[in-house]
Amino acid sequence: IVYSIASLKACYFNEHYLQIISSQLGLDLSSIKNS
């Protein structure tokens, strides 16, 4: 396994932060998650 826990944590934090932004601004990001 070639891995970086730091990178995985960055992804988790970024996704969490995007969810916080979308909920506060009333945005629906479900349609662009694969973009």
Full PDB file with SEQRES, HELIX, SHEET, SSBOND, CRYST1, ORIGX, SCALE, CONECT and MASTER records, all heavy atoms in Angstrom:
SEQRES   1 A   35  ILE VAL TYR SER ILE ALA SER LEU LYS ALA CYS TYR PHE          
SEQRES   2 A   35  ASN GLU HIS TYR LEU GLN ILE ILE SER SER GLN LEU GLY          
SEQRES   3 A   35  LEU ASP LEU SER SER ILE LYS ASN SER                          
HELIX    1 AA1 ILE A    5  LEU A   25  1                                  21    
HELIX    2 AA2 SER A   30  ILE A   32  5                                   3    
CRYST1    1.000    1.000    1.000  90.00  90.00  90.00 P 1           1          
ORIGX1      1.000000  0.000000  0.000000        0.00000                         
ORIGX2      0.000000  1.000000  0.000000        0.00000                         
ORIGX3      0.000000  0.000000  1.000000        0.00000                         
SCALE1      1.000000  0.000000  0.000000        0.00000                         
SCALE2      0.000000  1.000000  0.000000        0.00000                         
SCALE3      0.000000  0.000000  1.000000        0.00000                         
ATOM      1  N   ILE A   1       0.840  -1.185   0.000  1.00  0.00           N  
ATOM      2  CA  ILE A   1       0.000   0.000   0.000  1.00  0.00           C  
ATOM      3  C   ILE A   1       0.882   1.244   0.000  1.00  0.00           C  
ATOM      4  O   ILE A   1       1.785   1.384   0.828  1.00  0.00           O  
ATOM      5  CB  ILE A   1      -0.920   0.023   1.234  1.00  0.00           C  
ATOM      6  CG1 ILE A   1      -1.801  -1.234   1.272  1.00  0.00           C  
ATOM      7  CG2 ILE A   1      -1.784   1.271   1.245  1.00  0.00           C  
ATOM      8  CD1 ILE A   1      -2.679  -1.306   2.497  1.00  0.00           C  
ATOM      9  N   VAL A   2       0.629   2.114  -0.948  1.00  0.00           N  
ATOM     10  CA  VAL A   2       1.278   3.418  -0.970  1.00  0.00           C  
ATOM     11  C   VAL A   2       0.243   4.418  -0.476  1.00  0.00           C  
ATOM     12  O   VAL A   2      -0.761   4.659  -1.142  1.00  0.00           O  
ATOM     13  CB  VAL A   2       1.777   3.784  -2.378  1.00  0.00           C  
ATOM     14  CG1 VAL A   2       2.432   5.151  -2.366  1.00  0.00           C  
ATOM     15  CG2 VAL A   2       2.741   2.722  -2.897  1.00  0.00           C  
ATOM     16  N   TYR A   3       0.481   4.989   0.703  1.00  0.00           N  
ATOM     17  CA  TYR A   3      -0.572   5.813   1.283  1.00  0.00           C  
ATOM     18  C   TYR A   3       0.000   7.031   1.991  1.00  0.00           C  
ATOM     19  O   TYR A   3       1.170   7.080   2.361  1.00  0.00           O  
ATOM     20  CB  TYR A   3      -1.410   4.998   2.270  1.00  0.00           C  
ATOM     21  CG  TYR A   3      -0.671   4.583   3.520  1.00  0.00           C  
ATOM     22  CD1 TYR A   3      -0.668   5.384   4.652  1.00  0.00           C  
ATOM     23  CD2 TYR A   3       0.010   3.374   3.579  1.00  0.00           C  
ATOM     24  CE1 TYR A   3      -0.003   5.017   5.792  1.00  0.00           C  
ATOM     25  CE2 TYR A   3       0.681   2.986   4.726  1.00  0.00           C  
ATOM     26  CZ  TYR A   3       0.664   3.808   5.835  1.00  0.00           C  
ATOM     27  OH  TYR A   3       1.338   3.431   6.976  1.00  0.00           O  
ATOM     28  N   SER A   4      -0.880   8.010   2.185  1.00  0.00           N  
ATOM     29  CA  SER A   4      -0.568   9.198   2.966  1.00  0.00           C  
ATOM     30  C   SER A   4      -1.798   9.534   3.791  1.00  0.00           C  
ATOM     31  O   SER A   4      -2.825   9.955   3.238  1.00  0.00           O  
ATOM     32  CB  SER A   4      -0.188  10.371   2.059  1.00  0.00           C  
ATOM     33  OG  SER A   4      -0.140  11.577   2.806  1.00  0.00           O  
ATOM     34  N   ILE A   5      -1.707   9.314   5.087  1.00  0.00           N  
ATOM     35  CA  ILE A   5      -2.830   9.647   5.958  1.00  0.00           C  
ATOM     36  C   ILE A   5      -3.066  11.149   5.964  1.00  0.00           C  
ATOM     37  O   ILE A   5      -4.200  11.613   6.075  1.00  0.00           O  
ATOM     38  CB  ILE A   5      -2.572   9.127   7.392  1.00  0.00           C  
ATOM     39  CG1 ILE A   5      -2.313   7.610   7.370  1.00  0.00           C  
ATOM     40  CG2 ILE A   5      -3.754   9.426   8.293  1.00  0.00           C  
ATOM     41  CD1 ILE A   5      -3.466   6.799   6.853  1.00  0.00           C  
ATOM     42  N   ALA A   6      -2.001  11.937   5.814  1.00  0.00           N  
ATOM     43  CA  ALA A   6      -2.152  13.392   5.773  1.00  0.00           C  
ATOM     44  C   ALA A   6      -3.019  13.817   4.592  1.00  0.00           C  
ATOM     45  O   ALA A   6      -3.876  14.711   4.710  1.00  0.00           O  
ATOM     46  CB  ALA A   6      -0.782  14.057   5.686  1.00  0.00           C  
ATOM     47  N   SER A   7      -2.828  13.178   3.438  1.00  0.00           N  
ATOM     48  CA  SER A   7      -3.646  13.503   2.266  1.00  0.00           C  
ATOM     49  C   SER A   7      -5.099  13.105   2.479  1.00  0.00           C  
ATOM     50  O   SER A   7      -6.020  13.843   2.109  1.00  0.00           O  
ATOM     51  CB  SER A   7      -3.081  12.806   1.032  1.00  0.00           C  
ATOM     52  OG  SER A   7      -1.816  13.326   0.683  1.00  0.00           O  
ATOM     53  N   LEU A   8      -5.306  11.924   3.083  1.00  0.00           N  
ATOM     54  CA  LEU A   8      -6.674  11.484   3.340  1.00  0.00           C  
ATOM     55  C   LEU A   8      -7.375  12.437   4.305  1.00  0.00           C  
ATOM     56  O   LEU A   8      -8.548  12.786   4.120  1.00  0.00           O  
ATOM     57  CB  LEU A   8      -6.676  10.060   3.888  1.00  0.00           C  
ATOM     58  CG  LEU A   8      -8.061   9.456   4.105  1.00  0.00           C  
ATOM     59  CD1 LEU A   8      -8.706   9.114   2.769  1.00  0.00           C  
ATOM     60  CD2 LEU A   8      -7.994   8.217   4.981  1.00  0.00           C  
ATOM     61  N   LYS A   9      -6.658  12.870   5.342  1.00  0.00           N  
ATOM     62  CA  LYS A   9      -7.250  13.814   6.283  1.00  0.00           C  
ATOM     63  C   LYS A   9      -7.572  15.148   5.601  1.00  0.00           C  
ATOM     64  O   LYS A   9      -8.579  15.789   5.920  1.00  0.00           O  
ATOM     65  CB  LYS A   9      -6.309  14.044   7.466  1.00  0.00           C  
ATOM     66  CG  LYS A   9      -6.264  12.897   8.458  1.00  0.00           C  
ATOM     67  CD  LYS A   9      -5.820  13.361   9.826  1.00  0.00           C  
ATOM     68  CE  LYS A   9      -6.812  14.275  10.477  1.00  0.00           C  
ATOM     69  NZ  LYS A   9      -6.509  14.567  11.894  1.00  0.00           N  
ATOM     70  N   ALA A  10      -6.719  15.571   4.669  1.00  0.00           N  
ATOM     71  CA  ALA A  10      -7.001  16.804   3.929  1.00  0.00           C  
ATOM     72  C   ALA A  10      -8.293  16.671   3.140  1.00  0.00           C  
ATOM     73  O   ALA A  10      -9.118  17.604   3.100  1.00  0.00           O  
ATOM     74  CB  ALA A  10      -5.835  17.136   3.006  1.00  0.00           C  
ATOM     75  N   CYS A  11      -8.494  15.508   2.516  1.00  0.00           N  
ATOM     76  CA  CYS A  11      -9.730  15.275   1.752  1.00  0.00           C  
ATOM     77  C   CYS A  11     -10.949  15.288   2.668  1.00  0.00           C  
ATOM     78  O   CYS A  11     -11.992  15.871   2.328  1.00  0.00           O  
ATOM     79  CB  CYS A  11      -9.640  13.952   1.004  1.00  0.00           C  
ATOM     80  SG  CYS A  11      -8.484  13.948  -0.378  1.00  0.00           S  
ATOM     81  N   TYR A  12     -10.830  14.629   3.829  1.00  0.00           N  
ATOM     82  CA  TYR A  12     -11.953  14.602   4.769  1.00  0.00           C  
ATOM     83  C   TYR A  12     -12.295  16.014   5.250  1.00  0.00           C  
ATOM     84  O   TYR A  12     -13.470  16.384   5.349  1.00  0.00           O  
ATOM     85  CB  TYR A  12     -11.625  13.695   5.960  1.00  0.00           C  
ATOM     86  CG  TYR A  12     -12.154  12.290   5.812  1.00  0.00           C  
ATOM     87  CD1 TYR A  12     -11.415  11.307   5.172  1.00  0.00           C  
ATOM     88  CD2 TYR A  12     -13.409  11.946   6.309  1.00  0.00           C  
ATOM     89  CE1 TYR A  12     -11.895  10.018   5.028  1.00  0.00           C  
ATOM     90  CE2 TYR A  12     -13.903  10.660   6.191  1.00  0.00           C  
ATOM     91  CZ  TYR A  12     -13.141   9.692   5.544  1.00  0.00           C  
ATOM     92  OH  TYR A  12     -13.642   8.419   5.403  1.00  0.00           O  
ATOM     93  N   PHE A  13     -11.265  16.800   5.569  1.00  0.00           N  
ATOM     94  CA  PHE A  13     -11.523  18.155   6.049  1.00  0.00           C  
ATOM     95  C   PHE A  13     -12.142  19.020   4.944  1.00  0.00           C  
ATOM     96  O   PHE A  13     -13.092  19.766   5.195  1.00  0.00           O  
ATOM     97  CB  PHE A  13     -10.228  18.803   6.546  1.00  0.00           C  
ATOM     98  CG  PHE A  13     -10.410  20.234   6.961  1.00  0.00           C  
ATOM     99  CD1 PHE A  13     -10.915  20.538   8.212  1.00  0.00           C  
ATOM    100  CD2 PHE A  13     -10.101  21.277   6.096  1.00  0.00           C  
ATOM    101  CE1 PHE A  13     -11.107  21.864   8.598  1.00  0.00           C  
ATOM    102  CE2 PHE A  13     -10.288  22.596   6.467  1.00  0.00           C  
ATOM    103  CZ  PHE A  13     -10.789  22.884   7.728  1.00  0.00           C  
ATOM    104  N   ASN A  14     -11.594  18.926   3.724  1.00  0.00           N  
ATOM    105  CA  ASN A  14     -12.116  19.730   2.625  1.00  0.00           C  
ATOM    106  C   ASN A  14     -13.574  19.394   2.338  1.00  0.00           C  
ATOM    107  O   ASN A  14     -14.396  20.294   2.103  1.00  0.00           O  
ATOM    108  CB  ASN A  14     -11.281  19.517   1.365  1.00  0.00           C  
ATOM    109  CG  ASN A  14      -9.871  20.077   1.504  1.00  0.00           C  
ATOM    110  OD1 ASN A  14      -9.625  20.943   2.346  1.00  0.00           O  
ATOM    111  ND2 ASN A  14      -8.948  19.575   0.711  1.00  0.00           N  
ATOM    112  N   GLU A  15     -13.900  18.108   2.353  1.00  0.00           N  
ATOM    113  CA  GLU A  15     -15.285  17.716   2.100  1.00  0.00           C  
ATOM    114  C   GLU A  15     -16.196  18.204   3.227  1.00  0.00           C  
ATOM    115  O   GLU A  15     -17.329  18.661   2.973  1.00  0.00           O  
ATOM    116  CB  GLU A  15     -15.370  16.193   1.954  1.00  0.00           C  
ATOM    117  CG  GLU A  15     -16.723  15.707   1.475  1.00  0.00           C  
ATOM    118  CD  GLU A  15     -16.681  14.276   0.973  1.00  0.00           C  
ATOM    119  OE1 GLU A  15     -15.648  13.610   1.130  1.00  0.00           O  
ATOM    120  OE2 GLU A  15     -17.699  13.821   0.410  1.00  0.00           O  
ATOM    121  N   HIS A  16     -15.712  18.097   4.461  1.00  0.00           N  
ATOM    122  CA  HIS A  16     -16.500  18.602   5.586  1.00  0.00           C  
ATOM    123  C   HIS A  16     -16.726  20.112   5.464  1.00  0.00           C  
ATOM    124  O   HIS A  16     -17.840  20.609   5.695  1.00  0.00           O  
ATOM    125  CB  HIS A  16     -15.757  18.284   6.892  1.00  0.00           C  
ATOM    126  CG  HIS A  16     -16.355  18.898   8.110  1.00  0.00           C  
ATOM    127  ND1 HIS A  16     -17.510  18.429   8.702  1.00  0.00           N  
ATOM    128  CD2 HIS A  16     -15.970  19.968   8.855  1.00  0.00           C  
ATOM    129  CE1 HIS A  16     -17.808  19.158   9.753  1.00  0.00           C  
ATOM    130  NE2 HIS A  16     -16.891  20.105   9.878  1.00  0.00           N  
ATOM    131  N   TYR A  17     -15.684  20.816   5.075  1.00  0.00           N  
ATOM    132  CA  TYR A  17     -15.774  22.274   4.944  1.00  0.00           C  
ATOM    133  C   TYR A  17     -16.726  22.666   3.805  1.00  0.00           C  
ATOM    134  O   TYR A  17     -17.503  23.629   3.923  1.00  0.00           O  
ATOM    135  CB  TYR A  17     -14.383  22.850   4.708  1.00  0.00           C  
ATOM    136  CG  TYR A  17     -14.277  24.331   4.945  1.00  0.00           C  
ATOM    137  CD1 TYR A  17     -14.954  24.944   5.982  1.00  0.00           C  
ATOM    138  CD2 TYR A  17     -13.474  25.117   4.119  1.00  0.00           C  
ATOM    139  CE1 TYR A  17     -14.851  26.311   6.200  1.00  0.00           C  
ATOM    140  CE2 TYR A  17     -13.353  26.480   4.328  1.00  0.00           C  
ATOM    141  CZ  TYR A  17     -14.053  27.069   5.380  1.00  0.00           C  
ATOM    142  OH  TYR A  17     -13.942  28.424   5.589  1.00  0.00           O  
ATOM    143  N   LEU A  18     -16.691  21.917   2.699  1.00  0.00           N  
ATOM    144  CA  LEU A  18     -17.617  22.182   1.600  1.00  0.00           C  
ATOM    145  C   LEU A  18     -19.061  21.970   2.025  1.00  0.00           C  
ATOM    146  O   LEU A  18     -19.970  22.715   1.623  1.00  0.00           O  
ATOM    147  CB  LEU A  18     -17.276  21.295   0.404  1.00  0.00           C  
ATOM    148  CG  LEU A  18     -16.005  21.660  -0.372  1.00  0.00           C  
ATOM    149  CD1 LEU A  18     -15.654  20.564  -1.370  1.00  0.00           C  
ATOM    150  CD2 LEU A  18     -16.186  22.996  -1.090  1.00  0.00           C  
ATOM    151  N   GLN A  19     -19.283  20.963   2.863  1.00  0.00           N  
ATOM    152  CA  GLN A  19     -20.641  20.716   3.354  1.00  0.00           C  
ATOM    153  C   GLN A  19     -21.107  21.852   4.264  1.00  0.00           C  
ATOM    154  O   GLN A  19     -22.279  22.246   4.227  1.00  0.00           O  
ATOM    155  CB  GLN A  19     -20.683  19.388   4.102  1.00  0.00           C  
ATOM    156  CG  GLN A  19     -20.531  18.168   3.207  1.00  0.00           C  
ATOM    157  CD  GLN A  19     -20.454  16.876   4.001  1.00  0.00           C  
ATOM    158  OE1 GLN A  19     -20.457  16.882   5.231  1.00  0.00           O  
ATOM    159  NE2 GLN A  19     -20.367  15.753   3.300  1.00  0.00           N  
ATOM    160  N   ILE A  20     -20.189  22.358   5.092  1.00  0.00           N  
ATOM    161  CA  ILE A  20     -20.546  23.476   5.965  1.00  0.00           C  
ATOM    162  C   ILE A  20     -20.900  24.707   5.122  1.00  0.00           C  
ATOM    163  O   ILE A  20     -21.903  25.400   5.373  1.00  0.00           O  
ATOM    164  CB  ILE A  20     -19.384  23.817   6.920  1.00  0.00           C  
ATOM    165  CG1 ILE A  20     -19.114  22.646   7.872  1.00  0.00           C  
ATOM    166  CG2 ILE A  20     -19.675  25.091   7.714  1.00  0.00           C  
ATOM    167  CD1 ILE A  20     -20.259  22.339   8.809  1.00  0.00           C  
ATOM    168  N   ILE A  21     -20.098  24.987   4.097  1.00  0.00           N  
ATOM    169  CA  ILE A  21     -20.361  26.145   3.230  1.00  0.00           C  
ATOM    170  C   ILE A  21     -21.694  26.000   2.514  1.00  0.00           C  
ATOM    171  O   ILE A  21     -22.506  26.942   2.446  1.00  0.00           O  
ATOM    172  CB  ILE A  21     -19.207  26.301   2.210  1.00  0.00           C  
ATOM    173  CG1 ILE A  21     -17.921  26.700   2.927  1.00  0.00           C  
ATOM    174  CG2 ILE A  21     -19.570  27.331   1.145  1.00  0.00           C  
ATOM    175  CD1 ILE A  21     -16.711  26.753   2.014  1.00  0.00           C  
ATOM    176  N   SER A  22     -21.967  24.819   1.959  1.00  0.00           N  
ATOM    177  CA  SER A  22     -23.217  24.614   1.223  1.00  0.00           C  
ATOM    178  C   SER A  22     -24.436  24.728   2.137  1.00  0.00           C  
ATOM    179  O   SER A  22     -25.464  25.282   1.737  1.00  0.00           O  
ATOM    180  CB  SER A  22     -23.202  23.237   0.547  1.00  0.00           C  
ATOM    181  OG  SER A  22     -23.170  22.200   1.516  1.00  0.00           O  
ATOM    182  N   SER A  23     -24.322  24.231   3.376  1.00  0.00           N  
ATOM    183  CA  SER A  23     -25.465  24.311   4.293  1.00  0.00           C  
ATOM    184  C   SER A  23     -25.712  25.747   4.744  1.00  0.00           C  
ATOM    185  O   SER A  23     -26.869  26.179   4.898  1.00  0.00           O  
ATOM    186  CB  SER A  23     -25.229  23.414   5.508  1.00  0.00           C  
ATOM    187  OG  SER A  23     -24.109  23.855   6.255  1.00  0.00           O  
ATOM    188  N   GLN A  24     -24.632  26.514   4.957  1.00  0.00           N  
ATOM    189  CA  GLN A  24     -24.792  27.899   5.402  1.00  0.00           C  
ATOM    190  C   GLN A  24     -25.317  28.798   4.285  1.00  0.00           C  
ATOM    191  O   GLN A  24     -26.056  29.753   4.544  1.00  0.00           O  
ATOM    192  CB  GLN A  24     -23.450  28.437   5.915  1.00  0.00           C  
ATOM    193  CG  GLN A  24     -22.956  27.767   7.188  1.00  0.00           C  
ATOM    194  CD  GLN A  24     -23.894  28.022   8.357  1.00  0.00           C  
ATOM    195  OE1 GLN A  24     -24.368  29.142   8.570  1.00  0.00           O  
ATOM    196  NE2 GLN A  24     -24.180  26.977   9.116  1.00  0.00           N  
ATOM    197  N   LEU A  25     -24.945  28.494   3.035  1.00  0.00           N  
ATOM    198  CA  LEU A  25     -25.369  29.330   1.907  1.00  0.00           C  
ATOM    199  C   LEU A  25     -26.595  28.771   1.195  1.00  0.00           C  
ATOM    200  O   LEU A  25     -27.066  29.368   0.218  1.00  0.00           O  
ATOM    201  CB  LEU A  25     -24.220  29.479   0.907  1.00  0.00           C  
ATOM    202  CG  LEU A  25     -22.954  30.144   1.436  1.00  0.00           C  
ATOM    203  CD1 LEU A  25     -21.889  30.221   0.340  1.00  0.00           C  
ATOM    204  CD2 LEU A  25     -23.265  31.545   1.965  1.00  0.00           C  
ATOM    205  N   GLY A  26     -27.089  27.624   1.676  1.00  0.00           N  
ATOM    206  CA  GLY A  26     -28.274  27.041   1.057  1.00  0.00           C  
ATOM    207  C   GLY A  26     -28.011  26.494  -0.327  1.00  0.00           C  
ATOM    208  O   GLY A  26     -28.898  26.540  -1.199  1.00  0.00           O  
ATOM    209  N   LEU A  27     -26.834  25.981  -0.561  1.00  0.00           N  
ATOM    210  CA  LEU A  27     -26.474  25.434  -1.868  1.00  0.00           C  
ATOM    211  C   LEU A  27     -26.644  23.923  -1.875  1.00  0.00           C  
ATOM    212  O   LEU A  27     -26.477  23.253  -0.847  1.00  0.00           O  
ATOM    213  CB  LEU A  27     -25.013  25.792  -2.207  1.00  0.00           C  
ATOM    214  CG  LEU A  27     -24.653  27.278  -2.206  1.00  0.00           C  
ATOM    215  CD1 LEU A  27     -23.170  27.464  -2.474  1.00  0.00           C  
ATOM    216  CD2 LEU A  27     -25.483  28.025  -3.246  1.00  0.00           C  
ATOM    217  N   ASP A  28     -26.948  23.388  -3.035  1.00  0.00           N  
ATOM    218  CA  ASP A  28     -27.062  21.941  -3.220  1.00  0.00           C  
ATOM    219  C   ASP A  28     -25.903  21.477  -4.108  1.00  0.00           C  
ATOM    220  O   ASP A  28     -25.892  21.749  -5.309  1.00  0.00           O  
ATOM    221  CB  ASP A  28     -28.408  21.587  -3.852  1.00  0.00           C  
ATOM    222  CG  ASP A  28     -28.592  20.074  -3.986  1.00  0.00           C  
ATOM    223  OD1 ASP A  28     -27.755  19.325  -3.422  1.00  0.00           O  
ATOM    224  OD2 ASP A  28     -29.556  19.645  -4.656  1.00  0.00           O  
ATOM    225  N   LEU A  29     -24.938  20.806  -3.478  1.00  0.00           N  
ATOM    226  CA  LEU A  29     -23.744  20.378  -4.211  1.00  0.00           C  
ATOM    227  C   LEU A  29     -23.844  18.944  -4.721  1.00  0.00           C  
ATOM    228  O   LEU A  29     -22.900  18.435  -5.317  1.00  0.00           O  
ATOM    229  CB  LEU A  29     -22.507  20.504  -3.302  1.00  0.00           C  
ATOM    230  CG  LEU A  29     -22.207  21.895  -2.740  1.00  0.00           C  
ATOM    231  CD1 LEU A  29     -20.941  21.847  -1.890  1.00  0.00           C  
ATOM    232  CD2 LEU A  29     -22.064  22.911  -3.859  1.00  0.00           C  
ATOM    233  N   SER A  30     -24.971  18.287  -4.493  1.00  0.00           N  
ATOM    234  CA  SER A  30     -25.084  16.869  -4.866  1.00  0.00           C  
ATOM    235  C   SER A  30     -24.961  16.661  -6.368  1.00  0.00           C  
ATOM    236  O   SER A  30     -24.490  15.614  -6.818  1.00  0.00           O  
ATOM    237  CB  SER A  30     -26.423  16.312  -4.371  1.00  0.00           C  
ATOM    238  OG  SER A  30     -27.511  17.047  -4.911  1.00  0.00           O  
ATOM    239  N   SER A  31     -25.359  17.644  -7.158  1.00  0.00           N  
ATOM    240  CA  SER A  31     -25.332  17.462  -8.617  1.00  0.00           C  
ATOM    241  C   SER A  31     -23.937  17.690  -9.214  1.00  0.00           C  
ATOM    242  O   SER A  31     -23.722  17.384 -10.389  1.00  0.00           O  
ATOM    243  CB  SER A  31     -26.323  18.430  -9.273  1.00  0.00           C  
ATOM    244  OG  SER A  31     -25.980  19.775  -8.965  1.00  0.00           O  
ATOM    245  N   ILE A  32     -23.018  18.238  -8.419  1.00  0.00           N  
ATOM    246  CA  ILE A  32     -21.684  18.529  -8.985  1.00  0.00           C  
ATOM    247  C   ILE A  32     -20.573  17.761  -8.273  1.00  0.00           C  
ATOM    248  O   ILE A  32     -19.387  18.052  -8.465  1.00  0.00           O  
ATOM    249  CB  ILE A  32     -21.379  20.048  -8.898  1.00  0.00           C  
ATOM    250  CG1 ILE A  32     -21.348  20.490  -7.436  1.00  0.00           C  
ATOM    251  CG2 ILE A  32     -22.380  20.850  -9.700  1.00  0.00           C  
ATOM    252  CD1 ILE A  32     -20.822  21.908  -7.248  1.00  0.00           C  
ATOM    253  N   LYS A  33     -20.940  16.758  -7.478  1.00  0.00           N  
ATOM    254  CA  LYS A  33     -19.918  16.042  -6.702  1.00  0.00           C  
ATOM    255  C   LYS A  33     -18.978  15.234  -7.586  1.00  0.00           C  
ATOM    256  O   LYS A  33     -17.867  14.887  -7.162  1.00  0.00           O  
ATOM    257  CB  LYS A  33     -20.575  15.135  -5.661  1.00  0.00           C  
ATOM    258  CG  LYS A  33     -21.076  15.906  -4.451  1.00  0.00           C  
ATOM    259  CD  LYS A  33     -21.482  14.982  -3.327  1.00  0.00           C  
ATOM    260  CE  LYS A  33     -21.836  15.784  -2.075  1.00  0.00           C  
ATOM    261  NZ  LYS A  33     -22.180  14.914  -0.938  1.00  0.00           N  
ATOM    262  N   ASN A  34     -19.407  14.908  -8.769  1.00  0.00           N  
ATOM    263  CA  ASN A  34     -18.544  14.159  -9.690  1.00  0.00           C  
ATOM    264  C   ASN A  34     -17.830  15.066 -10.689  1.00  0.00           C  
ATOM    265  O   ASN A  34     -17.155  14.573 -11.593  1.00  0.00           O  
ATOM    266  CB  ASN A  34     -19.361  13.112 -10.450  1.00  0.00           C  
ATOM    267  CG  ASN A  34     -19.858  12.009  -9.538  1.00  0.00           C  
ATOM    268  OD1 ASN A  34     -19.167  11.637  -8.595  1.00  0.00           O  
ATOM    269  ND2 ASN A  34     -21.041  11.477  -9.822  1.00  0.00           N  
ATOM    270  N   SER A  35     -17.987  16.350 -10.528  1.00  0.00           N  
ATOM    271  CA  SER A  35     -17.376  17.286 -11.475  1.00  0.00           C  
ATOM    272  C   SER A  35     -15.904  17.514 -11.126  1.00  0.00           C  
ATOM    273  O   SER A  35     -15.460  17.302  -9.995  1.00  0.00           O  
ATOM    274  CB  SER A  35     -18.121  18.626 -11.458  1.00  0.00           C  
ATOM    275  OG  SER A  35     -17.987  19.242 -10.194  1.00  0.00           O  
TER     276      SER A  35                                                      
MASTER        0    0    0    2    0    0    0    6  275    1    0    3          
END                                                                             
